[in-house]
Amino acid sequence: MKKSNVPSATPWSDPDDAPEITDVWVAEADLYDGEKRLRRGRPPKVQPKER
């Protein structure tokens, strides 16, 4: 795979320029229980269909 020579974003020079943390950002964040990442979405079925 060819490496891109174009930077994907401009680096921050001032920490005060960091984006504000919003409720939407927090809602989309990954959830962790200790070191284990919790899965999102529908939980697995207790009795899945058999072939």
C-alpha atoms as a PDB file:
ATOM      1  CA  MET A   1       0.000   0.000   0.000  1.00  0.00           C
ATOM      2  CA  LYS A   2       1.317   3.426  -0.880  1.00  0.00           C
ATOM      3  CA  LYS A   3       1.773   5.906   1.958  1.00  0.00           C
ATOM      4  CA  SER A   4       0.086   9.265   1.519  1.00  0.00           C
ATOM      5  CA  ASN A   5       2.399  12.268   1.606  1.00  0.00           C
ATOM      6  CA  VAL A   6      -0.458  14.628   2.386  1.00  0.00           C
ATOM      7  CA  PRO A   7      -1.154  15.177   6.101  1.00  0.00           C
ATOM      8  CA  SER A   8      -4.709  14.274   7.089  1.00  0.00           C
ATOM      9  CA  ALA A   9      -5.170  17.256   9.398  1.00  0.00           C
ATOM     10  CA  THR A  10      -3.239  20.246  10.584  1.00  0.00           C
ATOM     11  CA  PRO A  11      -1.560  19.651  13.970  1.00  0.00           C
ATOM     12  CA  TRP A  12      -2.676  21.740  16.916  1.00  0.00           C
ATOM     13  CA  SER A  13      -0.148  24.283  18.001  1.00  0.00           C
ATOM     14  CA  ASP A  14      -2.110  25.495  21.013  1.00  0.00           C
ATOM     15  CA  PRO A  15      -3.956  23.190  23.442  1.00  0.00           C
ATOM     16  CA  ASP A  16      -6.671  25.837  23.779  1.00  0.00           C
ATOM     17  CA  ASP A  17      -7.555  25.174  20.107  1.00  0.00           C
ATOM     18  CA  ALA A  18      -8.730  21.644  20.961  1.00  0.00           C
ATOM     19  CA  PRO A  19     -12.359  20.907  20.059  1.00  0.00           C
ATOM     20  CA  GLU A  20     -14.942  21.251  22.803  1.00  0.00           C
ATOM     21  CA  ILE A  21     -16.255  18.044  24.375  1.00  0.00           C
ATOM     22  CA  THR A  22     -19.974  17.854  23.639  1.00  0.00           C
ATOM     23  CA  ASP A  23     -22.771  15.507  24.689  1.00  0.00           C
ATOM     24  CA  VAL A  24     -22.779  14.018  21.178  1.00  0.00           C
ATOM     25  CA  TRP A  25     -19.048  13.259  21.401  1.00  0.00           C
ATOM     26  CA  VAL A  26     -19.502  11.554  24.781  1.00  0.00           C
ATOM     27  CA  ALA A  27     -22.500   9.540  23.502  1.00  0.00           C
ATOM     28  CA  GLU A  28     -20.426   8.179  20.589  1.00  0.00           C
ATOM     29  CA  ALA A  29     -17.392   7.295  22.734  1.00  0.00           C
ATOM     30  CA  ASP A  30     -16.384   3.657  23.336  1.00  0.00           C
ATOM     31  CA  LEU A  31     -17.401   2.242  26.700  1.00  0.00           C
ATOM     32  CA  TYR A  32     -14.952   0.174  28.769  1.00  0.00           C
ATOM     33  CA  ASP A  33     -15.338  -2.132  31.770  1.00  0.00           C
ATOM     34  CA  GLY A  34     -11.768  -2.141  33.068  1.00  0.00           C
ATOM     35  CA  GLU A  35      -9.611  -3.175  30.089  1.00  0.00           C
ATOM     36  CA  LYS A  36     -12.506  -4.791  28.166  1.00  0.00           C
ATOM     37  CA  ARG A  37     -14.371  -2.721  25.582  1.00  0.00           C
ATOM     38  CA  LEU A  38     -18.130  -3.113  25.858  1.00  0.00           C
ATOM     39  CA  ARG A  39     -19.970  -3.873  22.636  1.00  0.00           C
ATOM     40  CA  ARG A  40     -22.786  -1.674  21.410  1.00  0.00           C
ATOM     41  CA  GLY A  41     -25.926  -2.734  19.656  1.00  0.00           C
ATOM     42  CA  ARG A  42     -28.223  -5.694  20.044  1.00  0.00           C
ATOM     43  CA  PRO A  43     -27.035  -8.310  22.559  1.00  0.00           C
ATOM     44  CA  PRO A  44     -26.580 -11.896  21.351  1.00  0.00           C
ATOM     45  CA  LYS A  45     -29.693 -14.110  21.447  1.00  0.00           C
ATOM     46  CA  VAL A  46     -30.091 -16.511  24.341  1.00  0.00           C
ATOM     47  CA  GLN A  47     -31.442 -19.253  22.044  1.00  0.00           C
ATOM     48  CA  PRO A  48     -30.245 -18.604  18.466  1.00  0.00           C
ATOM     49  CA  LYS A  49     -31.818 -20.476  15.552  1.00  0.00           C
ATOM     50  CA  GLU A  50     -30.231 -23.791  14.680  1.00  0.00           C
ATOM     51  CA  ARG A  51     -29.333 -24.957  11.199  1.00  0.00           C
END
